[in-house]
PDB file of N, CA and C in Angstrom:
ATOM      1  N   VAL A   1     -11.967   4.018  39.689  1.00  0.00           N
ATOM      2  CA  VAL A   1     -11.607   2.663  39.323  1.00  0.00           C
ATOM      3  C   VAL A   1     -11.734   1.723  40.522  1.00  0.00           C
ATOM      4  N   GLU A   2     -11.231   2.154  41.694  1.00  0.00           N
ATOM      5  CA  GLU A   2     -11.301   1.295  42.874  1.00  0.00           C
ATOM      6  C   GLU A   2     -12.746   0.930  43.209  1.00  0.00           C
ATOM      7  N   ALA A   3     -13.682   1.842  42.963  1.00  0.00           N
ATOM      8  CA  ALA A   3     -15.094   1.567  43.250  1.00  0.00           C
ATOM      9  C   ALA A   3     -15.601   0.396  42.424  1.00  0.00           C
ATOM     10  N   ASN A   4     -15.114   0.251  41.197  1.00  0.00           N
ATOM     11  CA  ASN A   4     -15.547  -0.849  40.341  1.00  0.00           C
ATOM     12  C   ASN A   4     -15.009  -2.203  40.803  1.00  0.00           C
ATOM     13  N   LEU A   5     -14.052  -2.195  41.699  1.00  0.00           N
ATOM     14  CA  LEU A   5     -13.474  -3.444  42.213  1.00  0.00           C
ATOM     15  C   LEU A   5     -14.174  -3.925  43.479  1.00  0.00           C
ATOM     16  N   GLN A   6     -15.152  -3.168  43.975  1.00  0.00           N
ATOM     17  CA  GLN A   6     -15.811  -3.492  45.231  1.00  0.00           C
ATOM     18  C   GLN A   6     -17.263  -3.882  45.011  1.00  0.00           C
ATOM     19  N   THR A   7     -17.743  -4.774  45.880  1.00  0.00           N
ATOM     20  CA  THR A   7     -19.161  -5.101  45.869  1.00  0.00           C
ATOM     21  C   THR A   7     -19.918  -3.888  46.418  1.00  0.00           C
ATOM     22  N   PRO A   8     -21.220  -3.796  46.204  1.00  0.00           N
ATOM     23  CA  PRO A   8     -21.974  -2.672  46.781  1.00  0.00           C
ATOM     24  C   PRO A   8     -21.828  -2.594  48.300  1.00  0.00           C
ATOM     25  N   GLU A   9     -21.775  -3.747  48.975  1.00  0.00           N
ATOM     26  CA  GLU A   9     -21.618  -3.762  50.434  1.00  0.00           C
ATOM     27  C   GLU A   9     -20.250  -3.223  50.842  1.00  0.00           C
ATOM     28  N   GLU A  10     -19.188  -3.628  50.114  1.00  0.00           N
ATOM     29  CA  GLU A  10     -17.837  -3.143  50.415  1.00  0.00           C
ATOM     30  C   GLU A  10     -17.739  -1.643  50.161  1.00  0.00           C
ATOM     31  N   LEU A  11     -18.343  -1.191  49.101  1.00  0.00           N
ATOM     32  CA  LEU A  11     -18.307   0.222  48.760  1.00  0.00           C
ATOM     33  C   LEU A  11     -19.008   1.071  49.824  1.00  0.00           C
ATOM     34  N   ALA A  12     -20.100   0.565  50.378  1.00  0.00           N
ATOM     35  CA  ALA A  12     -20.856   1.296  51.403  1.00  0.00           C
ATOM     36  C   ALA A  12     -20.176   1.254  52.770  1.00  0.00           C
ATOM     37  N   ALA A  13     -19.365   0.246  53.012  1.00  0.00           N
ATOM     38  CA  ALA A  13     -18.709   0.090  54.318  1.00  0.00           C
ATOM     39  C   ALA A  13     -17.538   1.057  54.467  1.00  0.00           C
ATOM     40  N   GLU A  14     -17.257   1.449  55.716  1.00  0.00           N
ATOM     41  CA  GLU A  14     -16.097   2.298  55.984  1.00  0.00           C
ATOM     42  C   GLU A  14     -14.799   1.532  55.818  1.00  0.00           C
ATOM     43  N   ARG A  15     -14.859   0.226  56.106  1.00  0.00           N
ATOM     44  CA  ARG A  15     -13.658  -0.608  55.954  1.00  0.00           C
ATOM     45  C   ARG A  15     -14.065  -2.008  55.527  1.00  0.00           C
ATOM     46  N   ILE A  16     -13.104  -2.703  54.910  1.00  0.00           N
ATOM     47  CA  ILE A  16     -13.286  -4.099  54.535  1.00  0.00           C
ATOM     48  C   ILE A  16     -12.439  -4.912  55.512  1.00  0.00           C
ATOM     49  N   ASP A  17     -13.098  -5.559  56.459  1.00  0.00           N
ATOM     50  CA  ASP A  17     -12.402  -6.202  57.577  1.00  0.00           C
ATOM     51  C   ASP A  17     -11.595  -7.442  57.201  1.00  0.00           C
ATOM     52  N   TYR A  18     -11.887  -8.091  56.101  1.00  0.00           N
ATOM     53  CA  TYR A  18     -11.159  -9.318  55.762  1.00  0.00           C
ATOM     54  C   TYR A  18      -9.885  -9.049  54.971  1.00  0.00           C
ATOM     55  N   PHE A  19      -9.570  -7.781  54.670  1.00  0.00           N
ATOM     56  CA  PHE A  19      -8.289  -7.411  54.088  1.00  0.00           C
ATOM     57  C   PHE A  19      -7.551  -6.534  55.086  1.00  0.00           C
ATOM     58  N   THR A  20      -6.227  -6.673  55.139  1.00  0.00           N
ATOM     59  CA  THR A  20      -5.407  -5.825  55.993  1.00  0.00           C
ATOM     60  C   THR A  20      -4.491  -4.974  55.129  1.00  0.00           C
ATOM     61  N   GLN A  21      -4.010  -3.885  55.704  1.00  0.00           N
ATOM     62  CA  GLN A  21      -3.157  -2.964  54.963  1.00  0.00           C
ATOM     63  C   GLN A  21      -2.002  -3.700  54.301  1.00  0.00           C
ATOM     64  N   GLY A  22      -1.830  -3.453  53.018  1.00  0.00           N
ATOM     65  CA  GLY A  22      -0.731  -4.037  52.270  1.00  0.00           C
ATOM     66  C   GLY A  22      -1.033  -5.356  51.594  1.00  0.00           C
ATOM     67  N   ASP A  23      -2.216  -5.951  51.855  1.00  0.00           N
ATOM     68  CA  ASP A  23      -2.566  -7.210  51.188  1.00  0.00           C
ATOM     69  C   ASP A  23      -2.549  -7.028  49.675  1.00  0.00           C
ATOM     70  N   VAL A  24      -1.986  -8.024  48.978  1.00  0.00           N
ATOM     71  CA  VAL A  24      -1.997  -8.063  47.523  1.00  0.00           C
ATOM     72  C   VAL A  24      -3.327  -8.687  47.109  1.00  0.00           C
ATOM     73  N   LEU A  25      -4.115  -7.952  46.323  1.00  0.00           N
ATOM     74  CA  LEU A  25      -5.467  -8.371  45.984  1.00  0.00           C
ATOM     75  C   LEU A  25      -5.583  -8.765  44.515  1.00  0.00           C
ATOM     76  N   CYS A  26      -6.215  -9.898  44.275  1.00  0.00           N
ATOM     77  CA  CYS A  26      -6.467 -10.399  42.921  1.00  0.00           C
ATOM     78  C   CYS A  26      -7.960 -10.390  42.647  1.00  0.00           C
ATOM     79  N   TRP A  27      -8.298 -10.351  41.381  1.00  0.00           N
ATOM     80  CA  TRP A  27      -9.686 -10.404  40.954  1.00  0.00           C
ATOM     81  C   TRP A  27     -10.077 -11.851  40.731  1.00  0.00           C
ATOM     82  N   ASN A  28     -11.154 -12.292  41.384  1.00  0.00           N
ATOM     83  CA  ASN A  28     -11.719 -13.621  41.168  1.00  0.00           C
ATOM     84  C   ASN A  28     -12.837 -13.443  40.152  1.00  0.00           C
ATOM     85  N   SER A  29     -12.597 -13.870  38.923  1.00  0.00           N
ATOM     86  CA  SER A  29     -13.566 -13.616  37.853  1.00  0.00           C
ATOM     87  C   SER A  29     -14.817 -14.474  37.975  1.00  0.00           C
ATOM     88  N   ILE A  30     -14.745 -15.577  38.695  1.00  0.00           N
ATOM     89  CA  ILE A  30     -15.931 -16.417  38.891  1.00  0.00           C
ATOM     90  C   ILE A  30     -16.848 -15.783  39.944  1.00  0.00           C
ATOM     91  N   ALA A  31     -16.269 -15.415  41.089  1.00  0.00           N
ATOM     92  CA  ALA A  31     -17.055 -14.791  42.162  1.00  0.00           C
ATOM     93  C   ALA A  31     -17.291 -13.299  41.897  1.00  0.00           C
ATOM     94  N   ARG A  32     -16.540 -12.726  40.953  1.00  0.00           N
ATOM     95  CA  ARG A  32     -16.623 -11.310  40.603  1.00  0.00           C
ATOM     96  C   ARG A  32     -16.374 -10.408  41.813  1.00  0.00           C
ATOM     97  N   ARG A  33     -15.227 -10.691  42.480  1.00  0.00           N
ATOM     98  CA  ARG A  33     -14.860  -9.909  43.658  1.00  0.00           C
ATOM     99  C   ARG A  33     -13.360 -10.023  43.911  1.00  0.00           C
ATOM    100  N   LEU A  34     -12.865  -9.148  44.772  1.00  0.00           N
ATOM    101  CA  LEU A  34     -11.461  -9.184  45.173  1.00  0.00           C
ATOM    102  C   LEU A  34     -11.232 -10.263  46.222  1.00  0.00           C
ATOM    103  N   GLU A  35     -10.018 -10.831  46.209  1.00  0.00           N
ATOM    104  CA  GLU A  35      -9.591 -11.758  47.259  1.00  0.00           C
ATOM    105  C   GLU A  35      -8.078 -11.646  47.384  1.00  0.00           C
ATOM    106  N   ARG A  36      -7.534 -12.148  48.488  1.00  0.00           N
ATOM    107  CA  ARG A  36      -6.078 -12.159  48.655  1.00  0.00           C
ATOM    108  C   ARG A  36      -5.479 -13.081  47.595  1.00  0.00           C
ATOM    109  N   CYS A  37      -4.442 -12.612  46.927  1.00  0.00           N
ATOM    110  CA  CYS A  37      -3.785 -13.425  45.903  1.00  0.00           C
ATOM    111  C   CYS A  37      -3.103 -14.623  46.544  1.00  0.00           C
ATOM    112  N   THR A  38      -3.165 -15.768  45.873  1.00  0.00           N
ATOM    113  CA  THR A  38      -2.503 -16.982  46.361  1.00  0.00           C
ATOM    114  C   THR A  38      -1.701 -17.671  45.262  1.00  0.00           C
ATOM    115  N   GLU A  39      -1.587 -17.044  44.100  1.00  0.00           N
ATOM    116  CA  GLU A  39      -0.858 -17.636  42.979  1.00  0.00           C
ATOM    117  C   GLU A  39       0.419 -16.851  42.738  1.00  0.00           C
ATOM    118  N   PHE A  40       1.550 -17.559  42.657  1.00  0.00           N
ATOM    119  CA  PHE A  40       2.827 -16.911  42.391  1.00  0.00           C
ATOM    120  C   PHE A  40       2.748 -16.135  41.074  1.00  0.00           C
ATOM    121  N   ALA A  41       3.171 -14.869  41.115  1.00  0.00           N
ATOM    122  CA  ALA A  41       3.226 -13.999  39.940  1.00  0.00           C
ATOM    123  C   ALA A  41       1.903 -13.976  39.180  1.00  0.00           C
ATOM    124  N   SER A  42       0.814 -13.920  39.915  1.00  0.00           N
ATOM    125  CA  SER A  42      -0.515 -13.909  39.290  1.00  0.00           C
ATOM    126  C   SER A  42      -0.694 -12.696  38.383  1.00  0.00           C
ATOM    127  N   PRO A  43      -1.216 -12.907  37.180  1.00  0.00           N
ATOM    128  CA  PRO A  43      -1.525 -11.775  36.314  1.00  0.00           C
ATOM    129  C   PRO A  43      -2.848 -11.104  36.697  1.00  0.00           C
ATOM    130  N   LEU A  44      -3.530 -11.635  37.732  1.00  0.00           N
ATOM    131  CA  LEU A  44      -4.821 -11.086  38.149  1.00  0.00           C
ATOM    132  C   LEU A  44      -4.716 -10.128  39.333  1.00  0.00           C
ATOM    133  N   VAL A  45      -3.490  -9.722  39.710  1.00  0.00           N
ATOM    134  CA  VAL A  45      -3.325  -8.701  40.745  1.00  0.00           C
ATOM    135  C   VAL A  45      -3.923  -7.406  40.209  1.00  0.00           C
ATOM    136  N   VAL A  46      -4.841  -6.823  40.982  1.00  0.00           N
ATOM    137  CA  VAL A  46      -5.476  -5.589  40.533  1.00  0.00           C
ATOM    138  C   VAL A  46      -5.364  -4.456  41.541  1.00  0.00           C
ATOM    139  N   ALA A  47      -4.963  -4.751  42.791  1.00  0.00           N
ATOM    140  CA  ALA A  47      -4.917  -3.689  43.799  1.00  0.00           C
ATOM    141  C   ALA A  47      -4.121  -4.136  45.015  1.00  0.00           C
ATOM    142  N   ILE A  48      -3.832  -3.162  45.866  1.00  0.00           N
ATOM    143  CA  ILE A  48      -3.220  -3.375  47.175  1.00  0.00           C
ATOM    144  C   ILE A  48      -4.196  -2.782  48.189  1.00  0.00           C
ATOM    145  N   ALA A  49      -4.419  -3.463  49.318  1.00  0.00           N
ATOM    146  CA  ALA A  49      -5.360  -2.969  50.332  1.00  0.00           C
ATOM    147  C   ALA A  49      -4.750  -1.804  51.117  1.00  0.00           C
ATOM    148  N   ASN A  50      -5.560  -0.772  51.360  1.00  0.00           N
ATOM    149  CA  ASN A  50      -5.102   0.350  52.185  1.00  0.00           C
ATOM    150  C   ASN A  50      -5.379   0.037  53.662  1.00  0.00           C
ATOM    151  N   ALA A  51      -5.191   1.019  54.544  1.00  0.00           N
ATOM    152  CA  ALA A  51      -5.358   0.811  55.982  1.00  0.00           C
ATOM    153  C   ALA A  51      -6.777   0.412  56.356  1.00  0.00           C
ATOM    154  N   ASP A  52      -7.760   0.742  55.514  1.00  0.00           N
ATOM    155  CA  ASP A  52      -9.151   0.365  55.762  1.00  0.00           C
ATOM    156  C   ASP A  52      -9.550  -0.897  55.004  1.00  0.00           C
ATOM    157  N   GLY A  53      -8.584  -1.575  54.384  1.00  0.00           N
ATOM    158  CA  GLY A  53      -8.879  -2.780  53.616  1.00  0.00           C
ATOM    159  C   GLY A  53      -9.459  -2.499  52.248  1.00  0.00           C
ATOM    160  N   LYS A  54      -9.534  -1.240  51.874  1.00  0.00           N
ATOM    161  CA  LYS A  54     -10.080  -0.842  50.569  1.00  0.00           C
ATOM    162  C   LYS A  54      -8.981  -0.938  49.498  1.00  0.00           C
ATOM    163  N   PRO A  55      -9.353  -1.229  48.246  1.00  0.00           N
ATOM    164  CA  PRO A  55      -8.340  -1.398  47.195  1.00  0.00           C
ATOM    165  C   PRO A  55      -7.747  -0.082  46.709  1.00  0.00           C
ATOM    166  N   LEU A  56      -6.427  -0.108  46.474  1.00  0.00           N
ATOM    167  CA  LEU A  56      -5.695   1.008  45.871  1.00  0.00           C
ATOM    168  C   LEU A  56      -5.021   0.489  44.610  1.00  0.00           C
ATOM    169  N   ILE A  57      -4.994   1.303  43.556  1.00  0.00           N
ATOM    170  CA  ILE A  57      -4.337   0.853  42.335  1.00  0.00           C
ATOM    171  C   ILE A  57      -3.093   1.668  41.999  1.00  0.00           C
ATOM    172  N   ALA A  58      -2.827   2.740  42.743  1.00  0.00           N
ATOM    173  CA  ALA A  58      -1.659   3.578  42.454  1.00  0.00           C
ATOM    174  C   ALA A  58      -1.221   4.302  43.711  1.00  0.00           C
ATOM    175  N   GLY A  59       0.055   4.713  43.712  1.00  0.00           N
ATOM    176  CA  GLY A  59       0.585   5.508  44.806  1.00  0.00           C
ATOM    177  C   GLY A  59       1.730   4.831  45.523  1.00  0.00           C
ATOM    178  N   VAL A  60       2.279   5.513  46.509  1.00  0.00           N
ATOM    179  CA  VAL A  60       3.319   4.960  47.370  1.00  0.00           C
ATOM    180  C   VAL A  60       2.631   4.568  48.669  1.00  0.00           C
ATOM    181  N   GLU A  61       2.589   3.274  48.933  1.00  0.00           N
ATOM    182  CA  GLU A  61       1.828   2.727  50.057  1.00  0.00           C
ATOM    183  C   GLU A  61       2.549   1.518  50.643  1.00  0.00           C
ATOM    184  N   PRO A  62       2.206   1.118  51.879  1.00  0.00           N
ATOM    185  CA  PRO A  62       2.744  -0.120  52.429  1.00  0.00           C
ATOM    186  C   PRO A  62       2.197  -1.320  51.656  1.00  0.00           C
ATOM    187  N   VAL A  63       3.092  -2.259  51.371  1.00  0.00           N
ATOM    188  CA  VAL A  63       2.717  -3.514  50.711  1.00  0.00           C
ATOM    189  C   VAL A  63       3.215  -4.652  51.593  1.00  0.00           C
ATOM    190  N   ARG A  64       2.358  -5.641  51.831  1.00  0.00           N
ATOM    191  CA  ARG A  64       2.721  -6.800  52.646  1.00  0.00           C
ATOM    192  C   ARG A  64       3.669  -7.693  51.853  1.00  0.00           C
ATOM    193  N   VAL A  65       4.824  -8.015  52.441  1.00  0.00           N
ATOM    194  CA  VAL A  65       5.834  -8.829  51.764  1.00  0.00           C
ATOM    195  C   VAL A  65       6.264  -9.994  52.640  1.00  0.00           C
ATOM    196  N   CYS A  66       6.759 -11.022  51.986  1.00  0.00           N
ATOM    197  CA  CYS A  66       7.312 -12.202  52.648  1.00  0.00           C
ATOM    198  C   CYS A  66       8.729 -12.401  52.129  1.00  0.00           C
ATOM    199  N   GLY A  67       9.671 -12.514  53.047  1.00  0.00           N
ATOM    200  CA  GLY A  67      11.050 -12.777  52.641  1.00  0.00           C
ATOM    201  C   GLY A  67      11.869 -11.523  52.454  1.00  0.00           C
ATOM    202  N   GLU A  68      13.060 -11.710  51.895  1.00  0.00           N
ATOM    203  CA  GLU A  68      14.034 -10.632  51.731  1.00  0.00           C
ATOM    204  C   GLU A  68      13.624  -9.699  50.589  1.00  0.00           C
ATOM    205  N   ILE A  69      13.608  -8.400  50.891  1.00  0.00           N
ATOM    206  CA  ILE A  69      13.227  -7.364  49.932  1.00  0.00           C
ATOM    207  C   ILE A  69      14.251  -6.236  50.018  1.00  0.00           C
ATOM    208  N   HIS A  70      14.631  -5.696  48.870  1.00  0.00           N
ATOM    209  CA  HIS A  70      15.566  -4.571  48.816  1.00  0.00           C
ATOM    210  C   HIS A  70      14.979  -3.461  47.952  1.00  0.00           C
ATOM    211  N   PRO A  71      15.372  -2.199  48.213  1.00  0.00           N
ATOM    212  CA  PRO A  71      14.872  -1.111  47.387  1.00  0.00           C
ATOM    213  C   PRO A  71      15.121  -1.393  45.903  1.00  0.00           C
ATOM    214  N   GLY A  72      14.091  -1.166  45.101  1.00  0.00           N
ATOM    215  CA  GLY A  72      14.188  -1.398  43.667  1.00  0.00           C
ATOM    216  C   GLY A  72      13.705  -2.764  43.222  1.00  0.00           C
ATOM    217  N   ASP A  73      13.505  -3.689  44.186  1.00  0.00           N
ATOM    218  CA  ASP A  73      12.996  -5.014  43.814  1.00  0.00           C
ATOM    219  C   ASP A  73      11.601  -4.882  43.233  1.00  0.00           C
ATOM    220  N   LEU A  74      11.337  -5.639  42.187  1.00  0.00           N
ATOM    221  CA  LEU A  74       9.994  -5.727  41.631  1.00  0.00           C
ATOM    222  C   LEU A  74       9.227  -6.750  42.446  1.00  0.00           C
ATOM    223  N   LEU A  75       8.033  -6.396  42.869  1.00  0.00           N
ATOM    224  CA  LEU A  75       7.229  -7.262  43.727  1.00  0.00           C
ATOM    225  C   LEU A  75       6.119  -7.920  42.924  1.00  0.00           C
ATOM    226  N   VAL A  76       5.957  -9.229  43.152  1.00  0.00           N
ATOM    227  CA  VAL A  76       4.902 -10.013  42.513  1.00  0.00           C
ATOM    228  C   VAL A  76       4.159 -10.774  43.600  1.00  0.00           C
ATOM    229  N   ALA A  77       2.980 -11.268  43.279  1.00  0.00           N
ATOM    230  CA  ALA A  77       2.212 -12.058  44.243  1.00  0.00           C
ATOM    231  C   ALA A  77       2.964 -13.343  44.576  1.00  0.00           C
ATOM    232  N   SER A  78       2.820 -13.783  45.831  1.00  0.00           N
ATOM    233  CA  SER A  78       3.416 -15.051  46.257  1.00  0.00           C
ATOM    234  C   SER A  78       2.308 -16.077  46.462  1.00  0.00           C
ATOM    235  N   ASN A  79       2.698 -17.289  46.848  1.00  0.00           N
ATOM    236  CA  ASN A  79       1.720 -18.332  47.170  1.00  0.00           C
ATOM    237  C   ASN A  79       1.096 -18.113  48.543  1.00  0.00           C
ATOM    238  N   GLN A  80       1.728 -17.277  49.372  1.00  0.00           N
ATOM    239  CA  GLN A  80       1.203 -16.931  50.703  1.00  0.00           C
ATOM    240  C   GLN A  80       0.051 -15.942  50.504  1.00  0.00           C
ATOM    241  N   PRO A  81      -1.150 -16.235  50.980  1.00  0.00           N
ATOM    242  CA  PRO A  81      -2.298 -15.362  50.719  1.00  0.00           C
ATOM    243  C   PRO A  81      -2.047 -13.888  51.056  1.00  0.00           C
ATOM    244  N   GLY A  82      -2.203 -13.026  50.037  1.00  0.00           N
ATOM    245  CA  GLY A  82      -2.089 -11.587  50.227  1.00  0.00           C
ATOM    246  C   GLY A  82      -0.693 -11.033  50.330  1.00  0.00           C
ATOM    247  N   CYS A  83       0.328 -11.862  50.169  1.00  0.00           N
ATOM    248  CA  CYS A  83       1.709 -11.440  50.380  1.00  0.00           C
ATOM    249  C   CYS A  83       2.465 -11.347  49.052  1.00  0.00           C
ATOM    250  N   ALA A  84       3.321 -10.332  48.931  1.00  0.00           N
ATOM    251  CA  ALA A  84       4.172 -10.177  47.749  1.00  0.00           C
ATOM    252  C   ALA A  84       5.578 -10.663  48.066  1.00  0.00           C
ATOM    253  N   ILE A  85       6.310 -11.031  47.018  1.00  0.00           N
ATOM    254  CA  ILE A  85       7.723 -11.399  47.146  1.00  0.00           C
ATOM    255  C   ILE A  85       8.498 -10.691  46.045  1.00  0.00           C
ATOM    256  N   ALA A  86       9.810 -10.645  46.213  1.00  0.00           N
ATOM    257  CA  ALA A  86      10.660 -10.044  45.189  1.00  0.00           C
ATOM    258  C   ALA A  86      10.800 -11.016  44.018  1.00  0.00           C
ATOM    259  N   TRP A  87      10.727 -10.479  42.805  1.00  0.00           N
ATOM    260  CA  TRP A  87      10.966 -11.280  41.616  1.00  0.00           C
ATOM    261  C   TRP A  87      12.469 -11.510  41.527  1.00  0.00           C
ATOM    262  N   ALA A  88      12.892 -12.764  41.455  1.00  0.00           N
ATOM    263  CA  ALA A  88      14.316 -13.106  41.394  1.00  0.00           C
ATOM    264  C   ALA A  88      14.797 -12.955  39.955  1.00  0.00           C
ATOM    265  N   GLN A  89      15.142 -11.725  39.561  1.00  0.00           N
ATOM    266  CA  GLN A  89      15.509 -11.439  38.174  1.00  0.00           C
ATOM    267  C   GLN A  89      16.743 -12.210  37.712  1.00  0.00           C
ATOM    268  N   ASN A  90      17.707 -12.405  38.597  1.00  0.00           N
ATOM    269  CA  ASN A  90      18.931 -13.098  38.200  1.00  0.00           C
ATOM    270  C   ASN A  90      18.663 -14.538  37.803  1.00  0.00           C
ATOM    271  N   GLU A  91      17.697 -15.169  38.447  1.00  0.00           N
ATOM    272  CA  GLU A  91      17.401 -16.569  38.181  1.00  0.00           C
ATOM    273  C   GLU A  91      16.316 -16.749  37.131  1.00  0.00           C
ATOM    274  N   ALA A  92      15.361 -15.849  37.102  1.00  0.00           N
ATOM    275  CA  ALA A  92      14.169 -16.062  36.283  1.00  0.00           C
ATOM    276  C   ALA A  92      14.050 -15.115  35.099  1.00  0.00           C
ATOM    277  N   GLY A  93      15.006 -14.230  34.891  1.00  0.00           N
ATOM    278  CA  GLY A  93      14.881 -13.262  33.813  1.00  0.00           C
ATOM    279  C   GLY A  93      13.851 -12.198  34.147  1.00  0.00           C
ATOM    280  N   LYS A  94      13.363 -11.527  33.133  1.00  0.00           N
ATOM    281  CA  LYS A  94      12.366 -10.482  33.348  1.00  0.00           C
ATOM    282  C   LYS A  94      11.011 -11.109  33.645  1.00  0.00           C
ATOM    283  N   PRO A  95      10.230 -10.442  34.520  1.00  0.00           N
ATOM    284  CA  PRO A  95       8.895 -10.975  34.805  1.00  0.00           C
ATOM    285  C   PRO A  95       7.994 -10.838  33.584  1.00  0.00           C
ATOM    286  N   PRO A  96       7.058 -11.771  33.412  1.00  0.00           N
ATOM    287  CA  PRO A  96       6.120 -11.653  32.297  1.00  0.00           C
ATOM    288  C   PRO A  96       5.279 -10.384  32.430  1.00  0.00           C
ATOM    289  N   PRO A  97       4.794  -9.841  31.328  1.00  0.00           N
ATOM    290  CA  PRO A  97       3.956  -8.642  31.396  1.00  0.00           C
ATOM    291  C   PRO A  97       2.739  -8.859  32.296  1.00  0.00           C
ATOM    292  N   GLY A  98       2.440  -7.846  33.093  1.00  0.00           N
ATOM    293  CA  GLY A  98       1.230  -7.874  33.904  1.00  0.00           C
ATOM    294  C   GLY A  98       1.330  -8.534  35.256  1.00  0.00           C
ATOM    295  N   VAL A  99       2.522  -9.010  35.669  1.00  0.00           N
ATOM    296  CA  VAL A  99       2.595  -9.677  36.968  1.00  0.00           C
ATOM    297  C   VAL A  99       3.250  -8.830  38.055  1.00  0.00           C
ATOM    298  N   VAL A 100       3.941  -7.753  37.698  1.00  0.00           N
ATOM    299  CA  VAL A 100       4.562  -6.882  38.694  1.00  0.00           C
ATOM    300  C   VAL A 100       3.481  -6.004  39.302  1.00  0.00           C
ATOM    301  N   ASN A 101       3.408  -5.997  40.662  1.00  0.00           N
ATOM    302  CA  ASN A 101       2.391  -5.163  41.300  1.00  0.00           C
ATOM    303  C   ASN A 101       2.970  -3.972  42.051  1.00  0.00           C
ATOM    304  N   ALA A 102       4.302  -3.930  42.262  1.00  0.00           N
ATOM    305  CA  ALA A 102       4.900  -2.798  42.957  1.00  0.00           C
ATOM    306  C   ALA A 102       6.421  -2.840  42.829  1.00  0.00           C
ATOM    307  N   LYS A 103       7.058  -1.696  43.161  1.00  0.00           N
ATOM    308  CA  LYS A 103       8.517  -1.619  43.245  1.00  0.00           C
ATOM    309  C   LYS A 103       8.854  -1.216  44.668  1.00  0.00           C
ATOM    310  N   ALA A 104       9.661  -2.042  45.344  1.00  0.00           N
ATOM    311  CA  ALA A 104      10.009  -1.803  46.743  1.00  0.00           C
ATOM    312  C   ALA A 104      10.839  -0.533  46.901  1.00  0.00           C
ATOM    313  N   LEU A 105      10.535   0.219  47.958  1.00  0.00           N
ATOM    314  CA  LEU A 105      11.293   1.412  48.310  1.00  0.00           C
ATOM    315  C   LEU A 105      11.995   1.240  49.651  1.00  0.00           C
ATOM    316  N   ASP A 106      11.718   0.132  50.343  1.00  0.00           N
ATOM    317  CA  ASP A 106      12.283  -0.169  51.666  1.00  0.00           C
ATOM    318  C   ASP A 106      12.993  -1.510  51.646  1.00  0.00           C
ATOM    319  N   VAL A 107      13.567  -1.844  52.805  1.00  0.00           N
ATOM    320  CA  VAL A 107      14.260  -3.116  52.995  1.00  0.00           C
ATOM    321  C   VAL A 107      13.489  -3.973  53.990  1.00  0.00           C
ATOM    322  N   SER A 108      13.431  -5.267  53.711  1.00  0.00           N
ATOM    323  CA  SER A 108      12.947  -6.269  54.663  1.00  0.00           C
ATOM    324  C   SER A 108      13.885  -7.446  54.525  1.00  0.00           C
ATOM    325  N   LEU A 109      14.523  -7.844  55.620  1.00  0.00           N
ATOM    326  CA  LEU A 109      15.525  -8.891  55.505  1.00  0.00           C
ATOM    327  C   LEU A 109      14.994 -10.297  55.724  1.00  0.00           C
ATOM    328  N   GLN A 110      13.837 -10.425  56.340  1.00  0.00           N
ATOM    329  CA  GLN A 110      13.284 -11.771  56.543  1.00  0.00           C
ATOM    330  C   GLN A 110      11.857 -11.681  57.037  1.00  0.00           C
ATOM    331  N   GLY A 111      11.167 -12.805  56.996  1.00  0.00           N
ATOM    332  CA  GLY A 111       9.828 -12.897  57.558  1.00  0.00           C
ATOM    333  C   GLY A 111       8.777 -12.148  56.779  1.00  0.00           C
ATOM    334  N   GLU A 112       7.669 -11.872  57.475  1.00  0.00           N
ATOM    335  CA  GLU A 112       6.532 -11.171  56.879  1.00  0.00           C
ATOM    336  C   GLU A 112       6.393  -9.805  57.528  1.00  0.00           C
ATOM    337  N   THR A 113       6.289  -8.768  56.695  1.00  0.00           N
ATOM    338  CA  THR A 113       6.157  -7.400  57.173  1.00  0.00           C
ATOM    339  C   THR A 113       5.553  -6.566  56.053  1.00  0.00           C
ATOM    340  N   THR A 114       5.508  -5.259  56.237  1.00  0.00           N
ATOM    341  CA  THR A 114       5.115  -4.386  55.142  1.00  0.00           C
ATOM    342  C   THR A 114       6.301  -3.492  54.822  1.00  0.00           C
ATOM    343  N   VAL A 115       6.439  -3.155  53.541  1.00  0.00           N
ATOM    344  CA  VAL A 115       7.461  -2.205  53.098  1.00  0.00           C
ATOM    345  C   VAL A 115       6.764  -1.141  52.268  1.00  0.00           C
ATOM    346  N   LEU A 116       7.333   0.040  52.282  1.00  0.00           N
ATOM    347  CA  LEU A 116       6.824   1.099  51.434  1.00  0.00           C
ATOM    348  C   LEU A 116       7.184   0.749  49.995  1.00  0.00           C
ATOM    349  N   ALA A 117       6.207   0.877  49.098  1.00  0.00           N
ATOM    350  CA  ALA A 117       6.442   0.521  47.700  1.00  0.00           C
ATOM    351  C   ALA A 117       5.594   1.404  46.786  1.00  0.00           C
ATOM    352  N   MET A 118       6.085   1.583  45.573  1.00  0.00           N
ATOM    353  CA  MET A 118       5.338   2.279  44.523  1.00  0.00           C
ATOM    354  C   MET A 118       4.450   1.240  43.856  1.00  0.00           C
ATOM    355  N   ILE A 119       3.137   1.425  43.994  1.00  0.00           N
ATOM    356  CA  ILE A 119       2.194   0.471  43.408  1.00  0.00           C
ATOM    357  C   ILE A 119       2.197   0.654  41.896  1.00  0.00           C
ATOM    358  N   LEU A 120       2.397  -0.455  41.185  1.00  0.00           N
ATOM    359  CA  LEU A 120       2.498  -0.442  39.724  1.00  0.00           C
ATOM    360  C   LEU A 120       1.461  -1.339  39.078  1.00  0.00           C
ATOM    361  N   VAL A 121       0.350  -1.566  39.730  1.00  0.00           N
ATOM    362  CA  VAL A 121      -0.677  -2.448  39.184  1.00  0.00           C
ATOM    363  C   VAL A 121      -1.154  -1.862  37.862  1.00  0.00           C
ATOM    364  N   ARG A 122      -1.081  -2.696  36.824  1.00  0.00           N
ATOM    365  CA  ARG A 122      -1.541  -2.244  35.509  1.00  0.00           C
ATOM    366  C   ARG A 122      -2.084  -3.379  34.703  1.00  0.00           C
TER     367      ARG A 122
END
């Protein structure tokens, strides 16, 4: 599946240099390629970048996050390119179908970092 998300050049390369580990990746249907997500709770999240910048769709991996994160938080794309944030369930109710990209397994109290998370892209 991950191979279908890459251009022939990306697939042939050992790494994709414009993505960093944990980047939240969305599908650009016009350009027909992956890019860092920039839309809050985007339904077009399709993968998380691994250490080589290649897309992953499942597993327990580092995910780039912005802001306060706690174990069990559902992660969605933020407006910050490639960064996920916790879905504020108390304020916003349940997230719409298709926007959750991971469940946090670590804590981040502020700023931008990576946390270990179960990738739930579907």
